[in-house]
Amino acid sequence: MAELSLLPSVGQQPDAIVVADGTSCRHQIRDGAQREAVHVAVLLARQLQA
């Protein structure tokens, strides 16, 4: 399923922050698009520290 729309979209947005709450979703993104996805809580924590 990820190969149909998610991975192409991630590949077309190289500067975008990729957010995925599920562990398996983050693994699929890393394996299929060679990009790191972060959990929404991690993204929020980073923004609060900035």
N, C-alpha and C. Protein backbone atom coordinates (compact mmCIF):
# COMPACT_ATOMS: atom_id res chain seq x y z
N MET A 1 0.82 -1.20 0.00
CA MET A 1 0.00 0.00 0.00
C MET A 1 0.86 1.26 0.00
N ALA A 2 1.93 1.24 0.77
CA ALA A 2 2.77 2.45 0.86
C ALA A 2 3.36 2.82 -0.48
N GLU A 3 3.64 1.84 -1.32
CA GLU A 3 4.26 2.11 -2.62
C GLU A 3 3.33 2.82 -3.58
N LEU A 4 2.02 2.74 -3.34
CA LEU A 4 1.05 3.35 -4.26
C LEU A 4 0.98 4.87 -4.12
N SER A 5 1.02 5.38 -2.90
CA SER A 5 0.88 6.83 -2.76
C SER A 5 1.83 7.44 -1.72
N LEU A 6 2.02 6.78 -0.60
CA LEU A 6 2.82 7.37 0.47
C LEU A 6 4.27 7.57 0.06
N LEU A 7 4.93 6.52 -0.38
CA LEU A 7 6.35 6.62 -0.70
C LEU A 7 6.63 7.57 -1.87
N PRO A 8 5.82 7.55 -2.93
CA PRO A 8 6.05 8.55 -3.98
C PRO A 8 5.88 9.99 -3.47
N SER A 9 4.90 10.21 -2.61
CA SER A 9 4.69 11.55 -2.05
C SER A 9 5.86 11.98 -1.19
N VAL A 10 6.36 11.08 -0.37
CA VAL A 10 7.51 11.38 0.48
C VAL A 10 8.72 11.68 -0.40
N GLY A 11 8.89 10.92 -1.47
CA GLY A 11 10.01 11.13 -2.37
C GLY A 11 9.96 12.46 -3.11
N GLN A 12 8.76 12.98 -3.34
CA GLN A 12 8.60 14.24 -4.06
C GLN A 12 8.78 15.46 -3.16
N GLN A 13 8.87 15.25 -1.86
CA GLN A 13 9.00 16.35 -0.90
C GLN A 13 10.26 16.17 -0.06
N PRO A 14 11.44 16.32 -0.65
CA PRO A 14 12.67 15.99 0.07
C PRO A 14 12.95 16.85 1.30
N ASP A 15 12.38 18.05 1.36
CA ASP A 15 12.63 18.94 2.50
C ASP A 15 11.54 18.88 3.57
N ALA A 16 10.51 18.10 3.31
CA ALA A 16 9.39 18.02 4.25
C ALA A 16 9.73 17.15 5.45
N ILE A 17 9.18 17.51 6.60
CA ILE A 17 9.27 16.67 7.79
C ILE A 17 8.20 15.60 7.65
N VAL A 18 8.59 14.36 7.79
CA VAL A 18 7.66 13.25 7.65
C VAL A 18 7.26 12.79 9.04
N VAL A 19 5.96 12.80 9.31
CA VAL A 19 5.43 12.40 10.62
C VAL A 19 4.61 11.13 10.45
N ALA A 20 4.92 10.14 11.27
CA ALA A 20 4.17 8.89 11.26
C ALA A 20 4.13 8.37 12.69
N ASP A 21 2.95 8.16 13.22
CA ASP A 21 2.81 7.73 14.61
C ASP A 21 3.09 6.25 14.81
N GLY A 22 2.83 5.45 13.80
CA GLY A 22 3.01 4.00 13.95
C GLY A 22 4.44 3.56 13.69
N THR A 23 4.91 2.63 14.51
CA THR A 23 6.26 2.10 14.35
C THR A 23 6.44 1.44 12.99
N SER A 24 5.48 0.64 12.58
CA SER A 24 5.61 -0.04 11.29
C SER A 24 5.57 0.96 10.14
N CYS A 25 4.82 2.02 10.28
CA CYS A 25 4.78 3.07 9.25
C CYS A 25 6.14 3.74 9.12
N ARG A 26 6.77 4.04 10.24
CA ARG A 26 8.10 4.66 10.21
C ARG A 26 9.12 3.73 9.57
N HIS A 27 9.02 2.44 9.86
CA HIS A 27 9.94 1.46 9.25
C HIS A 27 9.73 1.37 7.74
N GLN A 28 8.48 1.37 7.30
CA GLN A 28 8.19 1.31 5.87
C GLN A 28 8.74 2.53 5.15
N ILE A 29 8.60 3.69 5.76
CA ILE A 29 9.11 4.92 5.16
C ILE A 29 10.63 4.89 5.09
N ARG A 30 11.27 4.44 6.15
CA ARG A 30 12.73 4.36 6.16
C ARG A 30 13.21 3.36 5.11
N ASP A 31 12.57 2.21 5.04
CA ASP A 31 13.00 1.17 4.10
C ASP A 31 12.66 1.51 2.65
N GLY A 32 11.49 2.10 2.44
CA GLY A 32 11.03 2.34 1.08
C GLY A 32 11.44 3.66 0.48
N ALA A 33 11.63 4.68 1.31
CA ALA A 33 11.95 6.02 0.79
C ALA A 33 13.29 6.53 1.30
N GLN A 34 13.97 5.75 2.12
CA GLN A 34 15.24 6.15 2.70
C GLN A 34 15.14 7.51 3.38
N ARG A 35 14.04 7.69 4.11
CA ARG A 35 13.80 8.92 4.87
C ARG A 35 13.44 8.53 6.29
N GLU A 36 13.74 9.40 7.21
CA GLU A 36 13.36 9.17 8.60
C GLU A 36 12.04 9.87 8.88
N ALA A 37 11.12 9.15 9.46
CA ALA A 37 9.85 9.72 9.90
C ALA A 37 9.88 9.79 11.42
N VAL A 38 9.25 10.82 11.97
CA VAL A 38 9.23 10.99 13.42
C VAL A 38 7.81 10.86 13.95
N HIS A 39 7.70 10.45 15.18
CA HIS A 39 6.41 10.41 15.87
C HIS A 39 6.00 11.84 16.16
N VAL A 40 4.72 12.11 16.15
CA VAL A 40 4.22 13.47 16.37
C VAL A 40 4.69 14.02 17.73
N ALA A 41 4.78 13.17 18.75
CA ALA A 41 5.24 13.62 20.07
C ALA A 41 6.70 14.07 20.02
N VAL A 42 7.50 13.38 19.23
CA VAL A 42 8.91 13.76 19.07
C VAL A 42 9.01 15.11 18.36
N LEU A 43 8.21 15.29 17.33
CA LEU A 43 8.20 16.56 16.61
C LEU A 43 7.81 17.71 17.53
N LEU A 44 6.77 17.52 18.31
CA LEU A 44 6.34 18.57 19.24
C LEU A 44 7.40 18.86 20.29
N ALA A 45 8.03 17.84 20.82
CA ALA A 45 9.08 18.03 21.82
C ALA A 45 10.24 18.81 21.24
N ARG A 46 10.62 18.50 20.02
CA ARG A 46 11.71 19.24 19.36
C ARG A 46 11.35 20.71 19.19
N GLN A 47 10.12 20.97 18.81
CA GLN A 47 9.70 22.35 18.60
C GLN A 47 9.65 23.13 19.91
N LEU A 48 9.28 22.46 20.98
CA LEU A 48 9.24 23.13 22.29
C LEU A 48 10.64 23.45 22.79
N GLN A 49 11.62 22.65 22.41
CA GLN A 49 12.99 22.88 22.84
C GLN A 49 13.68 23.95 22.01
N ALA A 50 13.16 24.20 20.83
CA ALA A 50 13.82 25.17 19.92
C ALA A 50 13.63 26.60 20.37
